């Protein structure tokens, strides 16, 4: 049975065609984590993906901006920590 999703890891470092809108509309994650390197050759995360994430009003945490992202949960509640203080979007 499906239960609400609080956090999600964005697929393939935030490439243009990863994590489609239909998937995001279904999950509606409160937090989305993108693992990508700063100034990477591929331009990840792609602007089209960032627009899709903003459309579902999820908080976006990117490792190129906030370093390591850790999520702790007891199965009911969760807590998020970052290596560098993330700017809220």
Protein backbone atom coordinates (compact mmCIF):
# COMPACT_ATOMS: atom_id res chain seq x y z
CA UNK A 1 0.00 0.00 0.00
CA UNK A 2 1.28 3.48 -0.87
CA UNK A 3 2.00 5.88 1.96
CA UNK A 4 2.96 9.54 1.69
CA UNK A 5 6.56 10.15 0.75
CA UNK A 6 8.53 12.78 2.61
CA UNK A 7 11.86 12.67 0.84
CA UNK A 8 13.16 11.52 -2.52
CA UNK A 9 16.51 11.16 -4.20
CA UNK A 10 16.37 12.66 -7.68
CA UNK A 11 17.50 10.23 -10.39
CA UNK A 12 20.70 10.46 -12.45
CA UNK A 13 22.23 13.56 -10.81
CA UNK A 14 19.34 15.74 -11.96
CA UNK A 15 19.61 15.15 -15.71
CA UNK A 16 17.04 16.71 -18.04
CA UNK A 17 14.87 13.62 -18.52
CA UNK A 18 15.21 12.06 -15.07
CA UNK A 19 12.38 12.12 -12.54
CA UNK A 20 9.38 12.85 -14.81
CA UNK A 21 6.53 15.18 -13.83
CA UNK A 22 4.02 12.30 -13.51
CA UNK A 23 6.29 10.62 -10.96
CA UNK A 24 6.66 13.85 -8.96
CA UNK A 25 2.91 14.55 -9.13
CA UNK A 26 2.27 11.08 -7.69
CA UNK A 27 4.88 11.24 -4.91
CA UNK A 28 4.72 14.94 -3.95
CA UNK A 29 7.94 14.71 -1.89
CA UNK A 30 8.50 17.34 0.79
CA UNK A 31 12.26 17.20 0.15
CA UNK A 32 14.17 16.26 -3.01
CA UNK A 33 17.89 15.50 -2.86
CA UNK A 34 20.08 15.92 -5.94
CA UNK A 35 23.56 14.41 -5.87
CA UNK A 36 25.75 16.39 -8.29
CA UNK A 37 29.21 17.89 -8.39
CA UNK A 38 29.83 21.61 -8.49
CA UNK A 39 30.40 22.98 -12.02
CA UNK A 40 30.11 19.48 -13.52
CA UNK A 41 30.59 18.98 -17.27
CA UNK A 42 27.01 17.88 -17.80
CA UNK A 43 25.31 20.94 -16.33
CA UNK A 44 23.44 18.88 -13.74
CA UNK A 45 20.98 19.53 -12.34
CA UNK A 46 19.22 20.57 -15.53
CA UNK A 47 16.96 23.65 -15.47
CA UNK A 48 13.99 21.62 -16.82
CA UNK A 49 14.23 19.23 -13.87
CA UNK A 50 14.50 22.10 -11.38
CA UNK A 51 11.31 23.59 -12.84
CA UNK A 52 9.51 20.25 -12.41
CA UNK A 53 10.62 20.08 -8.79
CA UNK A 54 9.51 23.66 -8.10
CA UNK A 55 6.14 22.86 -9.66
CA UNK A 56 5.42 20.31 -6.90
CA UNK A 57 6.70 22.73 -4.24
CA UNK A 58 9.39 20.43 -2.87
CA UNK A 59 12.40 21.68 -0.95
CA UNK A 60 15.47 21.07 -3.14
CA UNK A 61 18.75 20.07 -1.50
CA UNK A 62 21.74 19.82 -3.85
CA UNK A 63 25.09 18.37 -2.88
CA UNK A 64 26.88 20.94 -5.08
CA UNK A 65 25.42 23.66 -2.85
CA UNK A 66 25.15 22.10 0.60
CA UNK A 67 27.66 19.26 0.57
CA UNK A 68 26.61 15.97 2.11
CA UNK A 69 22.88 15.51 2.74
CA UNK A 70 21.83 13.05 5.45
CA UNK A 71 18.28 11.95 6.24
CA UNK A 72 17.42 10.17 9.50
CA UNK A 73 14.05 8.59 10.12
CA UNK A 74 12.29 6.42 12.66
CA UNK A 75 9.70 5.45 10.05
CA UNK A 76 7.28 8.18 11.11
CA UNK A 77 9.31 11.36 11.41
CA UNK A 78 12.44 12.46 9.63
CA UNK A 79 15.29 14.87 10.14
CA UNK A 80 17.63 16.31 7.48
CA UNK A 81 21.20 17.47 7.95
CA UNK A 82 23.62 19.06 5.51
CA UNK A 83 27.37 19.59 5.65
CA UNK A 84 27.05 23.23 4.56
CA UNK A 85 24.01 25.26 5.58
CA UNK A 86 21.61 25.10 2.64
CA UNK A 87 19.74 28.15 1.42
CA UNK A 88 15.98 27.61 1.57
CA UNK A 89 14.10 27.86 -1.73
